[in-house]
Protein backbone atom coordinates (compact mmCIF):
# COMPACT_ATOMS: atom_id res chain seq x y z
CA UNK A 1 13.76 -13.83 -7.20
CA UNK A 2 16.90 -12.20 -6.46
CA UNK A 3 16.44 -8.58 -5.23
CA UNK A 4 14.75 -7.75 -8.14
CA UNK A 5 12.13 -8.38 -5.55
CA UNK A 6 13.81 -6.17 -2.91
CA UNK A 7 11.90 -3.24 -1.36
CA UNK A 8 12.41 -1.30 1.67
CA UNK A 9 14.61 -1.99 4.26
CA UNK A 10 12.96 -3.88 7.25
CA UNK A 11 12.89 -0.51 9.26
CA UNK A 12 10.97 0.94 6.59
CA UNK A 13 8.43 -1.71 6.50
CA UNK A 14 8.12 -1.87 10.17
CA UNK A 15 7.45 1.91 10.10
CA UNK A 16 4.44 1.26 7.06
CA UNK A 17 2.88 -0.88 9.73
CA UNK A 18 2.86 0.83 12.31
CA UNK A 19 1.45 4.15 9.95
CA UNK A 20 -1.43 1.54 8.53
CA UNK A 21 -2.19 0.93 12.24
CA UNK A 22 -2.84 4.56 12.74
CA UNK A 23 0.38 5.30 15.01
CA UNK A 24 1.84 8.83 14.36
CA UNK A 25 5.16 9.10 16.19
CA UNK A 26 7.76 6.69 17.44
CA UNK A 27 7.70 8.27 20.64
CA UNK A 28 4.94 10.20 22.40
CA UNK A 29 3.43 12.26 19.74
CA UNK A 30 -0.06 14.80 20.20
CA UNK A 31 -2.12 15.44 16.84
CA UNK A 32 -4.55 18.47 16.83
CA UNK A 33 -6.40 19.98 14.00
CA UNK A 34 -6.48 23.62 12.54
CA UNK A 35 -8.00 24.92 8.98
CA UNK A 36 -8.77 21.54 7.54
CA UNK A 37 -5.21 20.50 8.23
CA UNK A 38 -4.31 17.63 10.78
CA UNK A 39 -0.76 17.65 12.32
CA UNK A 40 0.96 14.87 14.68
CA UNK A 41 4.39 15.03 15.96
CA UNK A 42 7.37 12.71 17.15
CA UNK A 43 9.65 13.90 19.96
CA UNK A 44 13.19 13.29 19.55
CA UNK A 45 14.53 12.20 23.20
CA UNK A 46 14.41 14.12 25.79
CA UNK A 47 18.26 14.62 26.20
CA UNK A 48 18.29 16.01 22.66
CA UNK A 49 15.24 18.21 23.64
CA UNK A 50 16.95 19.67 26.43
CA UNK A 51 20.68 19.86 25.02
CA UNK A 52 18.75 21.96 22.42
CA UNK A 53 20.65 19.44 19.64
CA UNK A 54 17.41 18.27 17.97
CA UNK A 55 16.85 18.90 14.05
CA UNK A 56 13.60 19.77 13.67
CA UNK A 57 12.35 18.07 10.09
CA UNK A 58 8.76 18.83 8.75
CA UNK A 59 6.62 17.15 6.25
CA UNK A 60 3.60 18.58 4.36
CA UNK A 61 1.68 15.74 2.93
CA UNK A 62 -0.82 15.40 0.00
CA UNK A 63 -4.43 14.64 0.46
CA UNK A 64 -5.07 11.15 1.40
CA UNK A 65 -3.92 11.06 4.74
CA UNK A 66 -0.62 9.82 6.44
CA UNK A 67 -2.23 6.17 5.99
CA UNK A 68 -2.91 6.17 2.25
CA UNK A 69 -1.35 2.90 2.10
CA UNK A 70 0.69 4.98 -0.89
CA UNK A 71 2.88 7.51 -1.19
CA UNK A 72 1.96 9.90 1.85
CA UNK A 73 2.25 6.61 4.19
CA UNK A 74 5.71 5.56 2.59
CA UNK A 75 7.66 9.33 2.71
CA UNK A 76 6.31 9.33 6.47
CA UNK A 77 7.94 6.09 6.75
CA UNK A 78 11.05 7.50 5.97
CA UNK A 79 10.95 10.36 8.49
CA UNK A 80 10.59 7.50 11.23
CA UNK A 81 12.83 5.53 9.85
CA UNK A 82 15.60 8.57 10.41
CA UNK A 83 14.09 9.29 13.75
CA UNK A 84 14.87 5.93 14.81
CA UNK A 85 18.50 5.65 13.40
CA UNK A 86 18.68 9.12 14.71
CA UNK A 87 16.84 10.40 17.70
CA UNK A 88 17.33 13.95 17.72
CA UNK A 89 16.03 14.26 14.33
CA UNK A 90 12.48 15.66 15.57
CA UNK A 91 9.69 14.89 12.99
CA UNK A 92 6.26 16.20 12.10
CA UNK A 93 3.73 15.84 9.83
CA UNK A 94 0.78 18.23 8.62
CA UNK A 95 -1.94 17.05 6.06
CA UNK A 96 -3.51 18.36 3.21
CA UNK A 97 -7.21 18.46 2.84
CA UNK A 98 -7.13 20.02 -1.06
CA UNK A 99 -4.32 21.77 -3.15
CA UNK A 100 -5.39 24.86 -1.36
CA UNK A 101 -3.98 23.95 1.59
CA UNK A 102 -0.43 23.58 0.40
CA UNK A 103 1.30 26.88 0.36
CA UNK A 104 -0.25 27.35 4.11
CA UNK A 105 0.66 24.67 5.23
CA UNK A 106 3.98 24.85 3.72
CA UNK A 107 4.01 28.77 5.27
CA UNK A 108 3.07 27.15 8.71
CA UNK A 109 5.47 24.73 8.88
CA UNK A 110 8.63 27.75 7.92
CA UNK A 111 6.84 29.60 10.67
CA UNK A 112 7.29 26.27 13.16
CA UNK A 113 11.22 27.02 12.51
CA UNK A 114 11.64 23.33 10.76
CA UNK A 115 15.11 23.54 9.65
CA UNK A 116 14.12 21.56 6.49
CA UNK A 117 10.43 20.85 5.05
CA UNK A 118 9.33 17.96 2.82
CA UNK A 119 6.49 18.00 0.78
CA UNK A 120 4.65 15.09 -0.64
CA UNK A 121 3.97 14.76 -4.27
CA UNK A 122 4.15 16.14 -7.51
CA UNK A 123 1.07 18.44 -7.04
CA UNK A 124 2.97 20.38 -4.78
CA UNK A 125 5.42 21.73 -7.09
CA UNK A 126 4.44 24.71 -7.74
CA UNK A 127 3.56 25.82 -4.16
CA UNK A 128 7.11 24.87 -3.37
CA UNK A 129 8.94 26.96 -5.33
CA UNK A 130 6.70 29.86 -4.27
CA UNK A 131 7.37 28.96 -0.55
CA UNK A 132 10.84 28.34 -1.34
CA UNK A 133 11.84 31.15 -3.28
CA UNK A 134 10.34 33.48 -0.98
CA UNK A 135 12.44 31.46 1.93
CA UNK A 136 15.77 31.28 0.61
CA UNK A 137 17.51 30.81 4.25
CA UNK A 138 15.46 27.52 4.60
CA UNK A 139 15.80 23.91 3.21
CA UNK A 140 13.05 22.13 1.35
CA UNK A 141 12.55 18.65 -0.18
CA UNK A 142 9.86 17.27 -2.36
CA UNK A 143 8.82 13.88 -3.22
CA UNK A 144 8.06 13.33 -6.91
CA UNK A 145 9.52 16.32 -8.38
CA UNK A 146 13.11 17.54 -9.41
CA UNK A 147 15.19 20.78 -7.81
CA UNK A 148 13.29 23.88 -8.50
CA UNK A 149 15.54 26.22 -6.53
CA UNK A 150 19.20 26.38 -4.65
CA UNK A 151 17.11 25.57 -1.47
CA UNK A 152 14.57 22.76 -2.76
CA UNK A 153 16.10 18.93 -3.18
CA UNK A 154 14.02 17.34 -5.90
CA UNK A 155 13.26 13.53 -5.26
CA UNK A 156 12.11 11.37 -8.40
CA UNK A 157 11.64 8.14 -9.23
CA UNK A 158 12.18 6.41 -12.68
CA UNK A 159 9.22 3.66 -12.01
CA UNK A 160 8.90 3.08 -15.73
CA UNK A 161 11.38 0.63 -15.21
CA UNK A 162 9.41 -1.02 -12.22
CA UNK A 163 6.03 -0.81 -14.08
CA UNK A 164 8.31 -2.75 -17.29
CA UNK A 165 9.01 -5.60 -15.30
CA UNK A 166 5.26 -5.28 -13.51
CA UNK A 167 3.68 -5.41 -17.34
CA UNK A 168 5.85 -8.32 -18.25
CA UNK A 169 4.54 -10.23 -16.01
CA UNK A 170 0.83 -9.08 -15.97
CA UNK A 171 1.01 -10.23 -19.66
CA UNK A 172 2.96 -13.58 -19.09
CA UNK A 173 0.22 -14.25 -15.97
CA UNK A 174 -2.87 -13.21 -17.89
CA UNK A 175 -5.39 -15.99 -18.63
CA UNK A 176 -7.85 -13.91 -20.64
CA UNK A 177 -5.22 -12.04 -22.71
CA UNK A 178 -6.54 -8.65 -21.36
CA UNK A 179 -4.75 -6.36 -18.54
CA UNK A 180 -6.03 -3.03 -17.34
CA UNK A 181 -4.45 -0.23 -16.00
CA UNK A 182 -5.92 3.27 -14.38
CA UNK A 183 -4.31 6.91 -12.72
CA UNK A 184 -5.57 9.09 -10.45
CA UNK A 185 -4.88 11.93 -12.59
CA UNK A 186 -3.17 12.71 -15.79
CA UNK A 187 0.12 13.55 -14.26
CA UNK A 188 3.77 12.71 -14.93
CA UNK A 189 4.11 10.78 -11.64
CA UNK A 190 1.12 8.57 -12.40
CA UNK A 191 1.66 8.17 -16.13
CA UNK A 192 4.81 6.93 -15.76
CA UNK A 193 3.76 4.10 -13.96
CA UNK A 194 1.17 3.43 -16.88
CA UNK A 195 4.02 3.78 -19.54
CA UNK A 196 6.24 1.26 -18.13
CA UNK A 197 3.37 -1.33 -17.65
CA UNK A 198 2.24 -0.65 -21.31
CA UNK A 199 5.69 -1.03 -22.35
CA UNK A 200 6.12 -4.49 -20.67
CA UNK A 201 3.31 -5.64 -21.93
CA UNK A 202 4.55 -4.68 -25.70
CA UNK A 203 7.80 -6.02 -24.71
CA UNK A 204 6.37 -9.45 -23.56
CA UNK A 205 4.28 -9.80 -26.92
CA UNK A 206 6.85 -8.69 -29.26
CA UNK A 207 8.97 -11.60 -27.02
CA UNK A 208 6.24 -14.30 -27.32
CA UNK A 209 4.23 -13.60 -30.30
CA UNK A 210 1.08 -12.73 -27.97
CA UNK A 211 -1.04 -9.75 -28.16
CA UNK A 212 -1.84 -8.96 -24.44
CA UNK A 213 -4.26 -6.02 -24.96
CA UNK A 214 -3.87 -3.08 -22.35
CA UNK A 215 -7.52 -1.55 -21.43
CA UNK A 216 -7.19 2.00 -19.99
CA UNK A 217 -3.92 3.47 -21.82
CA UNK A 218 -1.87 3.61 -24.36
CA UNK A 219 1.54 5.48 -24.26
CA UNK A 220 0.99 6.70 -27.65
CA UNK A 221 -2.09 8.80 -26.50
CA UNK A 222 -1.04 10.81 -23.56
CA UNK A 223 -3.95 12.86 -23.25
CA UNK A 224 -6.38 9.86 -23.57
CA UNK A 225 -6.83 6.71 -20.87
CA UNK A 226 -8.79 6.32 -17.60
CA UNK A 227 -8.17 8.65 -14.72
CA UNK A 228 -10.23 8.15 -11.39
CA UNK A 229 -9.69 11.89 -11.05
CA UNK A 230 -8.94 11.23 -7.34
CA UNK A 231 -6.11 9.48 -5.12
CA UNK A 232 -9.28 8.57 -2.22
CA UNK A 233 -11.95 7.49 -3.82
CA UNK A 234 -12.23 4.04 -3.14
CA UNK A 235 -15.83 3.44 -4.76
CA UNK A 236 -14.79 5.11 -7.93
CA UNK A 237 -11.62 2.57 -8.01
CA UNK A 238 -13.90 -0.28 -7.49
CA UNK A 239 -16.41 0.76 -10.26
CA UNK A 240 -13.57 1.35 -12.93
CA UNK A 241 -12.35 -2.34 -11.98
CA UNK A 242 -15.74 -3.88 -12.45
CA UNK A 243 -15.85 -2.24 -15.99
CA UNK A 244 -12.28 -3.41 -16.71
CA UNK A 245 -13.27 -6.76 -15.45
CA UNK A 246 -16.63 -6.75 -17.26
CA UNK A 247 -14.41 -5.91 -20.34
CA UNK A 248 -12.31 -9.20 -19.64
CA UNK A 249 -9.32 -7.55 -17.76
CA UNK A 250 -8.03 -10.77 -15.20
CA UNK A 251 -4.92 -8.41 -13.81
CA UNK A 252 -5.44 -4.74 -12.60
CA UNK A 253 -3.08 -2.00 -12.55
CA UNK A 254 -4.20 0.72 -10.48
CA UNK A 255 -1.75 4.09 -10.40
CA UNK A 256 -4.59 5.68 -7.66
CA UNK A 257 -3.51 5.78 -3.97
CA UNK A 258 -6.09 5.03 -1.83
CA UNK A 259 -8.51 4.97 -4.69
CA UNK A 260 -6.91 1.92 -6.15
CA UNK A 261 -7.95 0.13 -2.94
CA UNK A 262 -11.40 -0.10 -4.44
CA UNK A 263 -9.65 -2.24 -7.13
CA UNK A 264 -8.56 -4.66 -3.98
CA UNK A 265 -12.23 -5.06 -3.42
CA UNK A 266 -13.46 -5.59 -6.79
CA UNK A 267 -10.51 -8.38 -7.29
CA UNK A 268 -11.82 -9.88 -3.63
CA UNK A 269 -15.15 -9.94 -4.88
CA UNK A 270 -14.07 -11.92 -8.44
CA UNK A 271 -13.50 -15.12 -6.58
CA UNK A 272 -9.70 -15.85 -7.68
CA UNK A 273 -10.25 -14.94 -11.44
CA UNK A 274 -9.13 -11.28 -10.84
CA UNK A 275 -5.50 -10.30 -9.26
CA UNK A 276 -3.74 -6.78 -9.00
CA UNK A 277 -0.47 -5.05 -9.33
CA UNK A 278 -0.35 -2.36 -6.67
CA UNK A 279 2.27 0.50 -6.34
CA UNK A 280 4.71 2.80 -4.53
CA UNK A 281 4.73 0.48 -1.65
CA UNK A 282 4.14 -3.40 -0.85
CA UNK A 283 0.35 -4.00 -0.79
CA UNK A 284 1.08 -6.96 1.23
CA UNK A 285 2.80 -5.01 3.89
CA UNK A 286 0.62 -1.40 3.70
CA UNK A 287 -2.73 -3.14 2.54
CA UNK A 288 -2.72 -6.69 3.98
CA UNK A 289 -6.59 -7.09 3.75
CA UNK A 290 -5.87 -7.42 -0.20
CA UNK A 291 -2.52 -9.09 -0.22
CA UNK A 292 -4.47 -12.32 -1.40
CA UNK A 293 -5.52 -10.71 -4.73
CA UNK A 294 -2.08 -8.74 -4.91
CA UNK A 295 0.48 -10.45 -7.56
CA UNK A 296 3.09 -8.18 -6.62
CA UNK A 297 3.64 -4.26 -6.34
CA UNK A 298 5.47 -1.95 -8.17
CA UNK A 299 7.48 -0.23 -5.49
CA UNK A 300 8.78 3.66 -5.22
CA UNK A 301 11.10 3.34 -2.00
CA UNK A 302 9.98 6.71 -0.99
CA UNK A 303 10.68 5.45 2.77
CA UNK A 304 14.71 5.17 1.72
CA UNK A 305 14.82 8.24 -0.23
CA UNK A 306 13.19 10.66 2.23
CA UNK A 307 15.42 8.69 5.12
CA UNK A 308 18.57 9.14 3.27
CA UNK A 309 18.05 12.78 2.91
CA UNK A 310 16.68 14.19 6.35
CA UNK A 311 20.16 11.80 7.84
CA UNK A 312 22.47 13.65 5.41
CA UNK A 313 20.47 17.23 6.27
CA UNK A 314 20.67 16.10 9.91
CA UNK A 315 24.33 15.43 10.07
CA UNK A 316 25.38 19.44 8.76
CA UNK A 317 24.90 18.67 4.56
CA UNK A 318 21.74 19.65 2.88
CA UNK A 319 21.65 17.35 -0.33
CA UNK A 320 21.16 19.42 -3.56
CA UNK A 321 20.10 19.00 -6.75
CA UNK A 322 18.02 16.15 -7.44
CA UNK A 323 17.96 12.13 -6.56
CA UNK A 324 16.72 9.71 -9.11
CA UNK A 325 15.56 6.49 -7.96
CA UNK A 326 15.89 3.48 -11.02
CA UNK A 327 16.27 -0.15 -10.76
CA UNK A 328 20.27 0.13 -10.17
CA UNK A 329 19.91 1.89 -7.01
CA UNK A 330 16.76 0.36 -5.31
CA UNK A 331 14.68 3.33 -6.02
CA UNK A 332 12.10 1.10 -8.06
CA UNK A 333 11.12 -2.33 -8.61
CA UNK A 334 9.07 -5.75 -7.66
CA UNK A 335 7.85 -6.29 -4.29
CA UNK A 336 7.87 -10.05 -3.59
CA UNK A 337 5.37 -12.52 -5.05
CA UNK A 338 3.45 -13.17 -1.47
CA UNK A 339 1.13 -15.34 -1.99
CA UNK A 340 1.63 -16.16 -5.75
CA UNK A 341 5.21 -16.84 -5.34
CA UNK A 342 4.03 -20.55 -6.34
CA UNK A 343 2.22 -19.59 -8.86
CA UNK A 344 4.36 -17.94 -11.04
CA UNK A 345 6.43 -20.24 -13.34
CA UNK A 346 10.20 -20.33 -12.58
CA UNK A 347 10.76 -19.44 -16.43
CA UNK A 348 8.79 -16.05 -16.13
CA UNK A 349 10.86 -15.46 -12.91
CA UNK A 350 14.01 -15.73 -14.81
CA UNK A 351 12.89 -13.91 -17.41
CA UNK A 352 12.11 -11.16 -14.98
CA UNK A 353 15.82 -11.10 -13.52
CA UNK A 354 16.98 -11.22 -17.25
CA UNK A 355 14.98 -7.77 -17.62
CA UNK A 356 15.56 -5.96 -14.96
CA UNK A 357 19.67 -6.63 -15.76
CA UNK A 358 18.82 -5.55 -19.62
CA UNK A 359 16.84 -2.16 -18.14
CA UNK A 360 19.83 -1.45 -15.87
CA UNK A 361 22.49 -1.74 -18.96
CA UNK A 362 20.48 0.15 -21.67
CA UNK A 363 19.77 -3.00 -23.40
CA UNK A 364 16.33 -2.24 -23.37
CA UNK A 365 15.29 1.34 -23.41
CA UNK A 366 12.01 2.86 -22.19
CA UNK A 367 10.35 5.45 -23.76
CA UNK A 368 8.04 7.17 -21.51
CA UNK A 369 7.80 10.74 -21.81
CA UNK A 370 7.29 11.17 -17.91
CA UNK A 371 11.03 9.40 -17.38
CA UNK A 372 12.78 12.10 -15.01
CA UNK A 373 16.28 13.30 -16.41
């Protein structure tokens, strides 16, 4: 397939692989634990540090850790990519054990003299707004939220577009006529994926005269649906997936961070009867142990967005307002089909290419209420 299947740059992929192996640094870093939070840092080159030219960039991760195989890991990979391109960018992160850590962690990074603080996750938006308002001389950025002040750069993603393609593919490949999706929490950065997936299935049904069902979500009922109430509970993800499989679903779309790894385990146990579409990262890179069951992944190019922001900021120009990642600017899309490439019919691949073009041109209009403006 053409670059419909394009994801992150090779550098970001390499960074993801390093993060997945537990590496916190592209140089000599250190780690420590304080009040429920874990921090790790990557030092800039010795020459940059000696000259005082280092640009100190800090990241506050959401719960799930830096190796969550999802949005934390991909965001940190963007920091690593920026550091590799410009060693004068001195990077570090601090993990959040719970939502109670958000404000303390953000304040700690401000006190540490960070020239910019990048917060990961829409759940942190209220905390970022509060801390940024109290520190107007400091610069902030947030993943999965819009700008909340003159000193806050928002990074949002219209992942409904990529998920629409994923939903169409799932409907086309389902043998049972039932597919399923569930989320970590009922919040816009999650439900936008689920909306797009649902819409993609409906589009397939209309185009092909089929009746493929979506278990776990209906865009018309934003308060309903299936949610694990966690982004880390793999056992919960597995039990939800097993329930869907018992109901006849043969393709699963977990939008739940590390919880979704439970879907990979459930699919593996099915003996080839069930497959999974991963989210955020290319699952065959970030969760290689389940690549055999990953049909594809709906990507959110966090790495590129974070890296681009830091590169501009280190160059002396802090981006303002909000960035929205789309199919057109490689902010979302489908990952390669990997082990399923030979199993997906050529006509389905062609149809996906056409769908991408039609979404980008506006011919196909998505209706998710969570699409960022």
